């Protein structure tokens, strides 16, 4: 196998193995408007403080249940102990249905989420994630 063939085979296998973040691109400006629904419980940005929910500054790429001084529910703590990190895919699934996400992630039909709010539209979830990503490194 020559170098070109090897490089192409490697690139192809990496492309096929890499999971898609999600199919819809988010619009941070639209996400900012949608985040107003979330802001009753969550704060974001410089000086944000925990409220009913933890601050979401830096949430994209952060380990779950890792905001200091926030009292998380048992199921999200268990998910964190199992290695949950908030990436595009996990945030998308969580925003769609937090309780179902935790039940599937933990393989526990009794898992609960303190968050009952759901974002049903895929585009809305993508837009909110794009907005939150502007507060992450």
Protein backbone atom coordinates (compact mmCIF):
# COMPACT_ATOMS: atom_id res chain seq x y z
CA UNK A 1 0.00 0.00 0.00
CA UNK A 2 1.50 3.35 -1.01
CA UNK A 3 1.36 6.54 1.12
CA UNK A 4 -1.57 8.07 -0.77
CA UNK A 5 -3.66 4.93 -0.45
CA UNK A 6 -2.81 4.61 3.25
CA UNK A 7 -3.67 8.27 3.90
CA UNK A 8 -6.98 7.95 2.06
CA UNK A 9 -7.87 4.74 3.92
CA UNK A 10 -7.03 6.38 7.26
CA UNK A 11 -9.04 9.52 6.45
CA UNK A 12 -12.01 7.44 5.30
CA UNK A 13 -12.00 5.29 8.44
CA UNK A 14 -11.75 8.38 10.68
CA UNK A 15 -14.59 10.07 8.82
CA UNK A 16 -16.81 7.02 9.09
CA UNK A 17 -15.95 6.49 12.77
CA UNK A 18 -16.48 10.10 13.83
CA UNK A 19 -19.95 10.71 15.25
CA UNK A 20 -21.92 13.69 13.99
CA UNK A 21 -22.48 16.32 16.69
CA UNK A 22 -26.00 16.79 15.40
CA UNK A 23 -27.52 17.32 12.00
CA UNK A 24 -28.80 20.87 12.49
CA UNK A 25 -26.55 23.92 12.75
CA UNK A 26 -27.41 26.30 15.54
CA UNK A 27 -27.86 30.05 15.39
CA UNK A 28 -26.48 31.71 18.54
CA UNK A 29 -28.57 34.88 18.05
CA UNK A 30 -31.78 32.84 17.93
CA UNK A 31 -30.49 30.78 20.84
CA UNK A 32 -30.03 33.91 22.92
CA UNK A 33 -33.72 34.75 22.47
CA UNK A 34 -34.75 31.16 23.24
CA UNK A 35 -32.54 31.12 26.34
CA UNK A 36 -34.92 33.61 27.96
CA UNK A 37 -37.13 30.56 28.66
CA UNK A 38 -34.20 28.95 30.45
CA UNK A 39 -33.17 32.06 32.36
CA UNK A 40 -35.90 31.60 34.97
CA UNK A 41 -33.72 28.79 36.37
CA UNK A 42 -30.27 29.15 34.75
CA UNK A 43 -27.84 32.05 34.48
CA UNK A 44 -24.98 32.46 32.04
CA UNK A 45 -22.14 34.92 31.51
CA UNK A 46 -19.72 36.88 33.66
CA UNK A 47 -20.86 37.04 37.26
CA UNK A 48 -23.57 34.41 36.80
CA UNK A 49 -24.63 32.67 39.99
CA UNK A 50 -26.44 29.41 40.63
CA UNK A 51 -30.19 29.76 40.86
CA UNK A 52 -32.85 27.02 40.72
CA UNK A 53 -30.48 25.39 38.21
CA UNK A 54 -26.68 25.59 37.98
CA UNK A 55 -24.92 28.30 36.00
CA UNK A 56 -24.43 27.36 32.36
CA UNK A 57 -21.34 29.43 31.64
CA UNK A 58 -18.82 26.96 30.21
CA UNK A 59 -21.32 24.10 30.09
CA UNK A 60 -20.35 22.93 26.59
CA UNK A 61 -17.46 20.54 27.16
CA UNK A 62 -17.84 20.49 30.96
CA UNK A 63 -18.27 17.40 33.10
CA UNK A 64 -21.81 16.96 34.35
CA UNK A 65 -22.64 17.92 37.94
CA UNK A 66 -19.42 19.89 38.32
CA UNK A 67 -20.54 23.42 39.24
CA UNK A 68 -19.33 24.21 42.75
CA UNK A 69 -21.91 25.02 45.42
CA UNK A 70 -24.85 23.63 43.47
CA UNK A 71 -26.91 20.79 44.97
CA UNK A 72 -27.47 18.32 42.14
CA UNK A 73 -30.01 15.52 42.11
CA UNK A 74 -28.92 11.91 42.66
CA UNK A 75 -29.41 10.82 39.04
CA UNK A 76 -27.28 13.57 37.49
CA UNK A 77 -24.57 12.88 40.07
CA UNK A 78 -24.70 9.20 39.10
CA UNK A 79 -24.43 10.19 35.42
CA UNK A 80 -21.39 12.34 36.24
CA UNK A 81 -19.80 9.43 38.09
CA UNK A 82 -20.41 7.35 34.97
CA UNK A 83 -18.49 9.94 32.90
CA UNK A 84 -21.17 12.21 31.42
CA UNK A 85 -19.70 15.26 29.73
CA UNK A 86 -21.89 17.97 28.22
CA UNK A 87 -21.15 17.93 24.50
CA UNK A 88 -23.49 18.84 21.65
CA UNK A 89 -24.99 15.37 21.51
CA UNK A 90 -25.62 14.94 25.24
CA UNK A 91 -27.00 18.47 25.69
CA UNK A 92 -29.29 17.97 22.69
CA UNK A 93 -30.69 14.75 24.13
CA UNK A 94 -31.00 16.21 27.64
CA UNK A 95 -32.85 19.30 26.45
CA UNK A 96 -35.28 17.13 24.49
CA UNK A 97 -36.31 15.19 27.61
CA UNK A 98 -34.10 15.35 30.72
CA UNK A 99 -35.71 12.45 32.58
CA UNK A 100 -35.66 10.10 29.58
CA UNK A 101 -32.06 11.05 28.83
CA UNK A 102 -30.95 10.14 32.37
CA UNK A 103 -32.94 6.90 32.34
CA UNK A 104 -31.28 5.85 29.10
CA UNK A 105 -27.78 7.05 30.06
CA UNK A 106 -27.91 5.32 33.44
CA UNK A 107 -29.97 2.34 32.26
CA UNK A 108 -32.23 3.04 35.23
CA UNK A 109 -35.99 3.32 34.69
CA UNK A 110 -36.31 5.15 38.02
CA UNK A 111 -33.79 7.91 37.27
CA UNK A 112 -35.15 11.42 37.74
CA UNK A 113 -34.17 14.90 36.67
CA UNK A 114 -34.72 18.04 38.69
CA UNK A 115 -35.23 19.77 35.33
CA UNK A 116 -38.68 19.22 33.86
CA UNK A 117 -38.40 21.80 31.05
CA UNK A 118 -38.11 20.36 27.52
CA UNK A 119 -37.15 21.93 24.21
CA UNK A 120 -39.11 19.88 21.70
CA UNK A 121 -37.84 21.37 18.43
CA UNK A 122 -34.47 20.15 17.18
CA UNK A 123 -33.63 23.56 15.73
CA UNK A 124 -34.40 25.28 19.05
CA UNK A 125 -32.06 22.88 20.86
CA UNK A 126 -29.32 23.52 18.30
CA UNK A 127 -29.79 27.29 18.62
CA UNK A 128 -29.62 27.23 22.43
CA UNK A 129 -26.49 25.07 22.32
CA UNK A 130 -24.89 27.48 19.83
CA UNK A 131 -25.67 30.34 22.24
CA UNK A 132 -24.29 28.43 25.25
CA UNK A 133 -21.17 27.60 23.26
CA UNK A 134 -20.40 31.33 23.06
CA UNK A 135 -19.81 31.13 26.84
CA UNK A 136 -17.50 28.11 26.61
CA UNK A 137 -13.84 27.86 25.75
